[in-house]
């Protein structure tokens, strides 16, 4: 592979030793501005009317550039009215992006509409609406609608869920699982809670869940570019995501998975703004149509018993100032955040067509936009994920250097250990099997099995900088092990009786 630019400098530094490698990496990071202190956005939001928009645009553009993000769209509301909207990197406020778990706020809203109409109650047992609902073969009579909404139902959150053709099938598959905790006692985030709630909406209304959202939520709010799907295979928007790595991004389609109810909404910053504005107006659309009672809007944002900071589709941020309630969203190729700040009347939405494994960029951007709305100048933090990835790159290059050295010295190793017992030689080689084994488990073990939608590409994308290190380490370990075994076989062959190396030295022949 040809390496140019700062990468080439790090490679040459590595060849001069670890100390030089570190100095080379730091120099390259400094040349890219990665080590510069955090700095404020270029525009000052304390100026005349309209400067919130200018400051927000400058902040978002500078943030995306410094963090190496491919695209970002946003909107800021003040007391239910648009204060700023925009986007960078090919995304605008009208660009459809998967909203991931921000979808839960919409699913909760749909359920609360049914509560408002008296079709179900918050403390209604789920089995009253879904008689077939059970878990672990023991029934689930103790689980209520409120518990599903607040993630206190005790349902587990398995990493891999087999694909289902409908919400009814998804709920039926829960019967094969076991409770993770006693219902109503512990907060435990689970996408199964909201997939079950989607089925509750279907059963209570005799309407497909995605259609219900369209008819009762999206259409009344004028969310014309928003829709809900059952699977990531059902919309083109899920093919345009990215995962970040080394300060850049890798375009990848979304992992195949069922996301309806828990993360299946595709929307725009403008459309989600309409939803947030309705929330700020206490459940009333811009034309005066009431979609939910003010009381239930308020109660949805109140923390629930046993749920910690979680409410009913909303979560309080205990570390934020001013206090806010919102929701994060993250899929392996996209991420999002919504926030409502009751004390200031500000609301924000942030959508990104990328996912960063080591950092929640939407949350930080939302925080900055909230600061701008109240007249402050937010700082743009150092690109910590990029620095972490470059650190892993350094380790990767060190692994290559050490493996090259180990392969070159395989002959010395064989000479030292050729007389050792077989078990001792095997013990010396066992450490070299650790990374290949870990790579096999990640890329083969976690992507195999009936109904498993994950692929090796999905495994790689979990954290590219780390998986590259794992792959390189596995190949390097295998190369060193092969070199040592080859040299050991050659050394043993040379010592066998009948070979030239095994014959004792002969005295010189003399002639008379």
Protein backbone atom coordinates (compact mmCIF):
# COMPACT_ATOMS: atom_id res chain seq x y z
CA UNK A 1 0.00 0.00 0.00
CA UNK A 2 1.35 3.44 -0.92
CA UNK A 3 1.24 5.89 1.99
CA UNK A 4 1.47 9.63 1.38
CA UNK A 5 1.24 12.82 3.44
CA UNK A 6 1.22 12.68 7.26
CA UNK A 7 0.71 8.90 7.15
CA UNK A 8 4.04 8.51 5.33
CA UNK A 9 5.77 10.56 8.00
CA UNK A 10 4.39 8.31 10.71
CA UNK A 11 5.53 5.21 8.82
CA UNK A 12 9.09 6.50 8.45
CA UNK A 13 9.13 7.56 12.09
CA UNK A 14 8.05 4.07 13.11
CA UNK A 15 11.04 2.60 11.34
CA UNK A 16 13.33 4.73 13.54
CA UNK A 17 11.82 3.35 16.76
CA UNK A 18 8.79 3.80 19.06
CA UNK A 19 9.96 7.18 20.39
CA UNK A 20 10.33 8.59 16.92
CA UNK A 21 6.98 7.06 15.96
CA UNK A 22 5.22 8.88 18.80
CA UNK A 23 6.95 12.15 17.90
CA UNK A 24 5.97 11.65 14.25
CA UNK A 25 2.33 10.99 15.16
CA UNK A 26 2.17 14.06 17.39
CA UNK A 27 3.77 16.21 14.72
CA UNK A 28 1.28 14.97 12.11
CA UNK A 29 -1.65 15.58 14.46
CA UNK A 30 -0.38 19.09 15.18
CA UNK A 31 0.01 19.81 11.47
CA UNK A 32 -3.65 18.83 10.97
CA UNK A 33 -4.76 21.08 13.83
CA UNK A 34 -5.95 18.14 15.90
CA UNK A 35 -4.10 19.19 19.03
CA UNK A 36 -5.19 22.82 18.94
CA UNK A 37 -7.24 23.88 21.96
CA UNK A 38 -11.00 24.04 21.71
CA UNK A 39 -12.16 27.29 20.16
CA UNK A 40 -15.44 29.17 19.88
CA UNK A 41 -17.53 29.36 16.76
CA UNK A 42 -16.72 32.21 14.42
CA UNK A 43 -19.95 34.17 14.78
CA UNK A 44 -21.13 36.03 17.89
CA UNK A 45 -24.80 35.27 18.63
CA UNK A 46 -25.24 38.30 20.89
CA UNK A 47 -25.63 40.75 17.99
CA UNK A 48 -28.75 41.97 16.18
CA UNK A 49 -31.75 39.90 15.13
CA UNK A 50 -30.81 37.12 12.72
CA UNK A 51 -27.43 36.45 14.32
CA UNK A 52 -28.65 33.18 15.89
CA UNK A 53 -28.92 31.78 12.38
CA UNK A 54 -25.46 33.13 11.45
CA UNK A 55 -23.86 31.83 14.64
CA UNK A 56 -25.54 28.43 14.30
CA UNK A 57 -24.40 28.06 10.68
CA UNK A 58 -20.82 29.03 11.56
CA UNK A 59 -20.77 26.70 14.55
CA UNK A 60 -22.15 23.70 12.67
CA UNK A 61 -19.79 24.21 9.71
CA UNK A 62 -16.73 24.57 11.94
CA UNK A 63 -17.75 21.60 14.06
CA UNK A 64 -18.30 19.25 11.12
CA UNK A 65 -15.01 20.33 9.53
CA UNK A 66 -12.94 19.83 12.67
CA UNK A 67 -14.52 16.49 13.54
CA UNK A 68 -14.37 15.10 9.99
CA UNK A 69 -18.13 14.54 9.69
CA UNK A 70 -19.57 13.91 6.21
CA UNK A 71 -22.93 15.64 6.74
CA UNK A 72 -25.02 17.35 9.41
CA UNK A 73 -28.41 19.07 9.40
CA UNK A 74 -30.02 20.99 12.23
CA UNK A 75 -32.83 23.25 13.35
CA UNK A 76 -33.34 25.51 16.36
CA UNK A 77 -36.74 26.53 17.71
CA UNK A 78 -37.61 29.30 20.12
CA UNK A 79 -41.05 29.06 21.74
CA UNK A 80 -42.36 26.93 18.90
CA UNK A 81 -41.01 29.15 16.12
CA UNK A 82 -38.03 28.51 13.84
CA UNK A 83 -34.93 30.46 14.91
CA UNK A 84 -32.33 28.78 12.70
CA UNK A 85 -32.02 25.88 10.31
CA UNK A 86 -29.33 24.61 7.99
CA UNK A 87 -26.88 21.90 7.13
CA UNK A 88 -23.44 21.06 5.78
CA UNK A 89 -21.79 18.30 3.78
CA UNK A 90 -24.60 17.74 1.32
CA UNK A 91 -27.29 17.65 4.00
CA UNK A 92 -29.87 20.39 4.32
CA UNK A 93 -32.73 20.87 6.77
CA UNK A 94 -34.98 19.14 4.23
CA UNK A 95 -32.70 16.09 3.69
CA UNK A 96 -34.21 12.74 4.84
CA UNK A 97 -31.96 10.97 7.37
CA UNK A 98 -32.70 7.94 9.59
CA UNK A 99 -33.66 9.29 13.01
CA UNK A 100 -32.66 6.08 14.83
CA UNK A 101 -33.92 6.00 18.43
CA UNK A 102 -35.32 9.51 18.22
CA UNK A 103 -38.18 7.45 16.72
CA UNK A 104 -39.07 6.36 20.26
CA UNK A 105 -40.45 9.81 21.04
CA UNK A 106 -42.88 9.38 18.13
CA UNK A 107 -43.87 5.84 19.11
CA UNK A 108 -44.52 7.03 22.67
CA UNK A 109 -46.58 9.93 21.32
CA UNK A 110 -48.75 7.52 19.31
CA UNK A 111 -49.34 5.37 22.40
CA UNK A 112 -50.21 8.42 24.48
CA UNK A 113 -52.75 9.45 21.85
CA UNK A 114 -54.50 6.14 22.51
CA UNK A 115 -54.33 6.78 26.24
CA UNK A 116 -55.80 10.24 25.63
CA UNK A 117 -58.69 8.66 23.71
CA UNK A 118 -59.30 6.07 26.43
CA UNK A 119 -58.49 3.08 24.23
CA UNK A 120 -55.75 1.91 26.59
CA UNK A 121 -54.35 3.01 29.96
CA UNK A 122 -50.77 3.63 31.00
CA UNK A 123 -51.10 0.92 33.63
CA UNK A 124 -53.03 -1.48 31.42
CA UNK A 125 -51.31 -4.90 31.30
CA UNK A 126 -49.89 -5.49 27.85
CA UNK A 127 -51.59 -8.87 27.69
CA UNK A 128 -54.95 -7.09 27.89
CA UNK A 129 -54.22 -5.62 24.46
CA UNK A 130 -51.98 -8.44 23.21
CA UNK A 131 -53.17 -11.75 24.68
CA UNK A 132 -50.35 -13.55 22.85
CA UNK A 133 -47.64 -11.48 24.58
CA UNK A 134 -45.37 -13.60 26.79
CA UNK A 135 -41.74 -14.05 27.70
CA UNK A 136 -39.78 -17.03 28.91
CA UNK A 137 -42.80 -19.28 28.63
CA UNK A 138 -44.21 -17.86 31.86
CA UNK A 139 -46.56 -15.20 30.58
CA UNK A 140 -46.06 -11.47 31.08
CA UNK A 141 -49.14 -10.40 33.02
CA UNK A 142 -47.15 -8.02 35.21
CA UNK A 143 -45.79 -5.91 32.35
CA UNK A 144 -47.80 -2.74 31.68
CA UNK A 145 -47.83 -0.17 28.90
CA UNK A 146 -46.09 2.32 31.21
CA UNK A 147 -43.27 -0.16 31.83
CA UNK A 148 -42.68 -0.56 28.11
CA UNK A 149 -42.64 3.22 27.62
CA UNK A 150 -40.19 3.78 30.50
CA UNK A 151 -37.91 0.78 29.83
CA UNK A 152 -38.76 -0.81 33.18
CA UNK A 153 -40.50 -3.88 31.75
CA UNK A 154 -37.54 -6.20 32.30
CA UNK A 155 -37.38 -7.17 28.62
CA UNK A 156 -33.81 -7.92 27.51
CA UNK A 157 -32.00 -6.06 24.74
CA UNK A 158 -30.31 -8.81 22.69
CA UNK A 159 -27.51 -7.81 20.34
CA UNK A 160 -28.86 -9.86 17.45
CA UNK A 161 -32.58 -10.22 16.78
CA UNK A 162 -33.75 -12.48 13.93
CA UNK A 163 -35.55 -10.65 11.17
CA UNK A 164 -39.35 -10.69 11.36
CA UNK A 165 -41.88 -9.98 8.66
CA UNK A 166 -44.24 -8.01 10.91
CA UNK A 167 -44.59 -6.42 14.34
CA UNK A 168 -46.78 -9.35 15.35
CA UNK A 169 -43.97 -11.76 14.51
CA UNK A 170 -41.47 -9.63 16.42
CA UNK A 171 -43.62 -9.78 19.54
CA UNK A 172 -44.12 -13.53 19.12
CA UNK A 173 -40.35 -14.06 19.14
CA UNK A 174 -40.09 -12.44 22.59
CA UNK A 175 -41.64 -15.60 24.04
CA UNK A 176 -38.35 -17.40 23.44
CA UNK A 177 -36.36 -14.94 25.60
CA UNK A 178 -36.00 -14.58 29.36
CA UNK A 179 -36.66 -11.53 31.52
CA UNK A 180 -33.55 -9.51 32.36
CA UNK A 181 -35.10 -8.14 35.58
CA UNK A 182 -38.34 -8.12 37.55
CA UNK A 183 -40.90 -5.94 35.72
CA UNK A 184 -41.34 -2.47 37.20
CA UNK A 185 -38.17 -2.48 39.29
CA UNK A 186 -35.22 -1.57 37.09
CA UNK A 187 -34.47 0.72 34.15
CA UNK A 188 -32.98 -1.35 31.32
CA UNK A 189 -33.04 0.16 27.83
CA UNK A 190 -34.43 -2.27 25.28
CA UNK A 191 -35.59 -1.81 21.71
CA UNK A 192 -38.01 -4.68 22.28
CA UNK A 193 -40.09 -2.39 24.50
CA UNK A 194 -40.84 -0.08 21.61
CA UNK A 195 -41.27 -2.81 19.03
CA UNK A 196 -43.92 -4.24 21.35
CA UNK A 197 -45.54 -0.80 21.68
CA UNK A 198 -45.77 -0.59 17.88
CA UNK A 199 -47.75 -3.82 17.97
CA UNK A 200 -49.91 -2.43 20.81
CA UNK A 201 -50.85 0.50 18.55
CA UNK A 202 -51.74 -1.91 15.75
CA UNK A 203 -53.91 -4.08 17.99
CA UNK A 204 -55.70 -1.13 19.62
CA UNK A 205 -56.47 0.65 16.35
CA UNK A 206 -56.67 -2.20 13.84
CA UNK A 207 -54.28 -0.13 11.71
CA UNK A 208 -50.71 -0.94 10.60
CA UNK A 209 -48.32 0.96 12.87
CA UNK A 210 -46.48 2.78 10.09
CA UNK A 211 -49.80 3.86 8.57
CA UNK A 212 -51.04 5.07 11.95
CA UNK A 213 -48.02 7.34 12.34
CA UNK A 214 -48.57 8.72 8.85
CA UNK A 215 -52.28 9.41 9.37
CA UNK A 216 -52.31 10.58 12.99
CA UNK A 217 -48.92 12.24 13.51
CA UNK A 218 -46.98 13.04 10.33
CA UNK A 219 -49.82 14.29 8.12
CA UNK A 220 -51.47 16.59 10.73
CA UNK A 221 -48.06 18.20 11.38
CA UNK A 222 -47.21 18.64 7.70
CA UNK A 223 -44.26 16.24 7.99
CA UNK A 224 -44.41 15.44 4.28
CA UNK A 225 -40.84 14.08 4.03
CA UNK A 226 -41.17 11.73 7.01
CA UNK A 227 -42.10 8.05 7.04
CA UNK A 228 -41.72 4.97 9.19
CA UNK A 229 -40.45 1.56 8.09
CA UNK A 230 -40.20 -1.89 9.61
CA UNK A 231 -36.67 -2.75 8.42
CA UNK A 232 -33.52 -0.95 7.28
CA UNK A 233 -34.00 -2.79 3.99
CA UNK A 234 -37.21 -0.88 3.29
CA UNK A 235 -35.83 2.58 2.42
CA UNK A 236 -33.00 4.01 0.33
CA UNK A 237 -32.09 6.43 3.12
CA UNK A 238 -30.48 3.54 4.99
CA UNK A 239 -27.98 3.03 2.15
CA UNK A 240 -26.40 6.49 2.43
CA UNK A 241 -24.80 6.37 5.87
CA UNK A 242 -21.19 6.43 7.06
CA UNK A 243 -18.98 5.31 9.92
CA UNK A 244 -16.14 7.61 10.94
CA UNK A 245 -12.51 6.49 11.12
CA UNK A 246 -9.15 8.28 11.42
CA UNK A 247 -10.75 11.70 11.00
CA UNK A 248 -12.64 10.79 7.83
CA UNK A 249 -15.70 8.68 7.05
CA UNK A 250 -16.42 5.43 5.24
CA UNK A 251 -19.69 5.20 3.24
CA UNK A 252 -21.59 2.03 4.10
CA UNK A 253 -25.18 0.90 3.88
CA UNK A 254 -26.96 0.28 7.16
CA UNK A 255 -26.79 -3.13 8.77
CA UNK A 256 -29.84 -5.21 7.91
CA UNK A 257 -32.12 -5.14 10.95
CA UNK A 258 -35.70 -4.63 12.09
CA UNK A 259 -36.03 -1.11 13.47
CA UNK A 260 -39.75 -0.32 13.34
CA UNK A 261 -41.16 1.22 16.51
CA UNK A 262 -37.74 1.61 18.10
CA UNK A 263 -35.74 3.31 15.34
CA UNK A 264 -37.54 3.11 12.00
CA UNK A 265 -38.41 6.74 11.25
CA UNK A 266 -36.70 8.59 8.40
CA UNK A 267 -37.18 12.34 8.68
CA UNK A 268 -35.70 15.79 8.15
CA UNK A 269 -34.64 18.54 10.52
CA UNK A 270 -37.54 20.67 9.28
CA UNK A 271 -40.12 17.93 9.83
CA UNK A 272 -38.90 17.01 13.30
CA UNK A 273 -38.99 20.72 14.11
CA UNK A 274 -42.73 20.64 13.43
CA UNK A 275 -43.08 17.81 15.95
CA UNK A 276 -41.01 19.66 18.57
CA UNK A 277 -42.95 22.87 18.01
CA UNK A 278 -46.18 20.95 18.64
CA UNK A 279 -44.69 19.58 21.86
CA UNK A 280 -43.75 23.12 22.92
CA UNK A 281 -47.34 24.22 22.23
CA UNK A 282 -48.61 21.52 24.56
CA UNK A 283 -49.80 19.07 21.91
CA UNK A 284 -51.32 21.49 19.40
CA UNK A 285 -50.39 21.68 15.71
CA UNK A 286 -49.71 25.03 14.03
CA UNK A 287 -53.28 25.15 12.65
CA UNK A 288 -54.76 24.70 16.12
CA UNK A 289 -55.51 20.97 15.79
CA UNK A 290 -54.96 19.23 19.11
CA UNK A 291 -53.02 15.97 18.75
CA UNK A 292 -52.45 15.26 22.44
CA UNK A 293 -53.63 16.78 25.69
CA UNK A 294 -51.34 19.25 27.40
CA UNK A 295 -51.45 17.07 30.51
CA UNK A 296 -50.11 13.99 28.72
CA UNK A 297 -47.40 16.03 26.95
CA UNK A 298 -46.26 17.21 30.37
CA UNK A 299 -46.49 13.75 31.94
CA UNK A 300 -44.53 12.17 29.09
CA UNK A 301 -41.52 14.27 30.11
CA UNK A 302 -41.73 13.41 33.80
CA UNK A 303 -39.36 10.75 35.07
CA UNK A 304 -41.05 7.47 35.91
CA UNK A 305 -40.74 5.34 39.01
CA UNK A 306 -37.74 3.02 38.76
CA UNK A 307 -36.69 4.54 35.42
CA UNK A 308 -33.99 6.92 36.63
CA UNK A 309 -33.91 9.87 34.23
CA UNK A 310 -36.28 8.32 31.67
CA UNK A 311 -39.87 9.39 31.15
CA UNK A 312 -42.30 8.16 28.50
CA UNK A 313 -40.22 8.31 25.33
CA UNK A 314 -38.12 11.20 26.66
CA UNK A 315 -35.04 11.33 28.87
CA UNK A 316 -33.74 14.03 31.19
CA UNK A 317 -30.11 15.09 30.88
CA UNK A 318 -28.98 15.47 34.48
CA UNK A 319 -25.58 16.98 33.61
CA UNK A 320 -26.86 19.72 31.29
CA UNK A 321 -27.27 23.38 32.18
CA UNK A 322 -29.92 24.55 31.55
CA UNK A 323 -31.88 21.38 32.27
CA UNK A 324 -33.34 19.71 29.20
CA UNK A 325 -35.27 16.65 28.12
CA UNK A 326 -34.64 14.86 24.85
CA UNK A 327 -33.54 11.65 23.20
CA UNK A 328 -30.46 10.30 21.46
CA UNK A 329 -30.56 8.19 18.33
CA UNK A 330 -27.80 5.97 16.98
CA UNK A 331 -27.65 3.36 14.27
CA UNK A 332 -24.32 1.94 13.02
CA UNK A 333 -24.39 4.42 10.08
CA UNK A 334 -26.37 7.45 11.34
CA UNK A 335 -27.07 9.40 14.52
CA UNK A 336 -29.47 12.02 15.86
CA UNK A 337 -30.56 14.08 18.84
CA UNK A 338 -33.61 16.09 19.89
CA UNK A 339 -33.81 18.41 22.90
CA UNK A 340 -36.40 20.61 24.58
CA UNK A 341 -35.31 23.18 27.19
CA UNK A 342 -38.43 24.14 29.17
CA UNK A 343 -36.77 27.02 31.05
CA UNK A 344 -35.71 28.92 27.93
CA UNK A 345 -38.26 27.79 25.35
CA UNK A 346 -35.51 26.41 23.10
CA UNK A 347 -35.72 23.15 21.16
CA UNK A 348 -33.18 21.59 18.81
CA UNK A 349 -32.88 18.74 16.35
CA UNK A 350 -29.58 17.40 14.97
CA UNK A 351 -29.35 14.73 12.26
CA UNK A 352 -26.12 13.16 10.96
CA UNK A 353 -25.55 10.69 8.15
CA UNK A 354 -22.72 9.11 10.13
CA UNK A 355 -21.99 7.27 13.35
CA UNK A 356 -18.88 7.72 15.48
CA UNK A 357 -18.17 4.70 17.72
CA UNK A 358 -16.39 6.64 20.48
CA UNK A 359 -18.35 9.89 20.73
CA UNK A 360 -21.92 11.27 20.67
CA UNK A 361 -21.52 14.17 18.24
CA UNK A 362 -25.27 15.00 18.00
CA UNK A 363 -25.44 15.61 21.75
CA UNK A 364 -22.47 18.00 21.67
CA UNK A 365 -23.82 19.87 18.64
CA UNK A 366 -27.24 20.17 20.29
CA UNK A 367 -25.60 21.57 23.41
CA UNK A 368 -23.78 24.15 21.30
CA UNK A 369 -26.98 25.19 19.53
CA UNK A 370 -28.77 25.59 22.88
CA UNK A 371 -25.91 27.80 24.07
CA UNK A 372 -26.13 29.92 20.91
CA UNK A 373 -29.88 30.35 21.37
CA UNK A 374 -29.31 31.83 24.83
CA UNK A 375 -26.56 34.19 23.67
CA UNK A 376 -23.42 32.20 24.48
CA UNK A 377 -20.52 31.26 22.20
CA UNK A 378 -19.96 27.50 22.40
CA UNK A 379 -16.51 26.00 22.09
CA UNK A 380 -15.76 23.42 19.44
CA UNK A 381 -13.96 20.58 21.20
CA UNK A 382 -10.81 18.88 20.01
CA UNK A 383 -11.50 15.90 17.74
CA UNK A 384 -11.09 13.28 20.45
CA UNK A 385 -12.38 10.38 18.29
CA UNK A 386 -9.82 11.22 15.61
CA UNK A 387 -7.02 11.30 18.20
CA UNK A 388 -8.16 7.96 19.60
CA UNK A 389 -8.22 6.44 16.13
CA UNK A 390 -4.77 7.84 15.30
CA UNK A 391 -3.51 6.36 18.54
CA UNK A 392 -4.86 2.98 17.44
CA UNK A 393 -3.21 3.53 14.07
CA UNK A 394 0.11 4.04 15.83
CA UNK A 395 -0.40 0.78 17.73
CA UNK A 396 -1.28 -0.91 14.43
CA UNK A 397 1.96 0.28 12.84
CA UNK A 398 3.92 -0.84 15.90
CA UNK A 399 2.34 -4.28 15.58
CA UNK A 400 3.48 -4.45 11.95
CA UNK A 401 7.02 -3.42 12.93
CA UNK A 402 7.20 -5.92 15.77
CA UNK A 403 5.82 -8.69 13.57
CA UNK A 404 8.41 -7.93 10.89
CA UNK A 405 11.13 -8.09 13.50
CA UNK A 406 9.73 -11.32 14.93
CA UNK A 407 9.58 -12.97 11.51
CA UNK A 408 13.16 -11.97 10.73
CA UNK A 409 14.37 -13.44 14.02
CA UNK A 410 12.38 -16.65 13.64
CA UNK A 411 15.62 -18.57 12.97
CA UNK A 412 17.11 -17.46 16.31
CA UNK A 413 13.89 -18.45 18.07
CA UNK A 414 14.00 -21.89 16.45
CA UNK A 415 17.64 -22.38 17.47
CA UNK A 416 16.86 -21.55 21.09
CA UNK A 417 13.79 -23.76 21.33
CA UNK A 418 14.47 -26.71 19.03
CA UNK A 419 15.62 -28.85 21.95
CA UNK A 420 12.73 -27.84 24.21
CA UNK A 421 9.84 -30.23 24.89
CA UNK A 422 6.92 -29.94 22.51
CA UNK A 423 4.62 -28.63 25.22
CA UNK A 424 7.00 -25.80 26.04
CA UNK A 425 7.27 -24.77 22.40
CA UNK A 426 3.47 -24.82 22.18
CA UNK A 427 3.20 -22.59 25.25
CA UNK A 428 5.57 -20.11 23.58
CA UNK A 429 3.30 -19.98 20.53
CA UNK A 430 -0.04 -19.70 22.35
CA UNK A 431 0.13 -15.88 22.74
CA UNK A 432 0.33 -15.62 18.97
CA UNK A 433 -3.07 -17.32 18.72
CA UNK A 434 -4.92 -14.73 20.82
CA UNK A 435 -5.55 -12.07 18.17
CA UNK A 436 -6.40 -14.55 15.39
CA UNK A 437 -8.90 -16.16 17.76
CA UNK A 438 -10.43 -12.80 18.66
CA UNK A 439 -10.68 -11.89 14.97
CA UNK A 440 -12.38 -15.20 14.21
CA UNK A 441 -14.92 -14.67 17.00
CA UNK A 442 -15.71 -11.13 15.83
CA UNK A 443 -15.87 -11.66 12.07
CA UNK A 444 -17.15 -15.24 11.95
CA UNK A 445 -18.62 -16.16 15.30
CA UNK A 446 -20.72 -13.02 15.76
CA UNK A 447 -21.96 -12.99 12.18
CA UNK A 448 -22.92 -16.65 11.83
CA UNK A 449 -26.00 -18.59 12.80
CA UNK A 450 -29.56 -18.90 11.54
CA UNK A 451 -31.41 -15.62 11.30
CA UNK A 452 -28.31 -13.53 12.01
CA UNK A 453 -28.40 -10.48 9.69
CA UNK A 454 -24.90 -9.26 10.56
CA UNK A 455 -22.08 -9.60 8.03
CA UNK A 456 -18.29 -9.34 8.39
CA UNK A 457 -18.58 -5.81 6.96
CA UNK A 458 -20.94 -4.95 9.82
CA UNK A 459 -18.40 -6.36 12.28
CA UNK A 460 -15.64 -4.25 10.71
CA UNK A 461 -17.79 -1.12 10.94
CA UNK A 462 -18.39 -1.46 14.68
CA UNK A 463 -15.17 0.52 15.18
CA UNK A 464 -12.98 0.52 12.06
CA UNK A 465 -9.79 1.74 13.74
CA UNK A 466 -10.05 -1.01 16.34
CA UNK A 467 -11.07 -3.75 13.92
CA UNK A 468 -8.21 -2.81 11.57
CA UNK A 469 -5.86 -3.20 14.52
CA UNK A 470 -7.40 -6.57 15.31
CA UNK A 471 -7.14 -7.78 11.71
CA UNK A 472 -3.56 -6.58 11.30
CA UNK A 473 -2.65 -8.10 14.65
CA UNK A 474 -4.23 -11.42 13.65
CA UNK A 475 -2.36 -11.53 10.34
CA UNK A 476 0.89 -10.41 11.96
CA UNK A 477 0.61 -13.05 14.68
CA UNK A 478 -0.12 -15.74 12.11
CA UNK A 479 2.89 -14.64 10.03
CA UNK A 480 5.26 -14.77 13.00
CA UNK A 481 3.90 -18.15 14.10
CA UNK A 482 4.30 -19.54 10.57
CA UNK A 483 7.85 -18.20 10.31
CA UNK A 484 8.82 -19.75 13.65
CA UNK A 485 7.28 -23.12 12.82
CA UNK A 486 8.96 -23.15 9.42
CA UNK A 487 12.37 -22.35 10.93
CA UNK A 488 11.81 -24.90 13.67
CA UNK A 489 11.02 -27.62 11.11
CA UNK A 490 14.13 -26.70 9.13
CA UNK A 491 16.25 -26.82 12.29
CA UNK A 492 14.87 -30.22 13.26
CA UNK A 493 15.38 -31.57 9.74
CA UNK A 494 19.00 -30.46 9.79
CA UNK A 495 19.61 -32.43 12.98
CA UNK A 496 18.18 -35.75 11.75
CA UNK A 497 20.64 -38.69 11.28
CA UNK A 498 21.88 -38.99 7.72
CA UNK A 499 21.88 -35.29 6.98
CA UNK A 500 25.07 -33.37 6.47
CA UNK A 501 24.39 -31.19 9.47
CA UNK A 502 23.97 -34.24 11.71
CA UNK A 503 27.29 -35.91 10.75
CA UNK A 504 30.20 -35.39 13.11
CA UNK A 505 33.14 -33.52 11.62
CA UNK A 506 35.62 -35.79 9.76
CA UNK A 507 39.41 -35.48 10.08
CA UNK A 508 41.15 -34.13 7.02
CA UNK A 509 42.33 -36.71 4.54
CA UNK A 510 46.07 -36.98 3.92
CA UNK A 511 47.94 -38.22 0.93
CA UNK A 512 51.30 -39.95 0.86
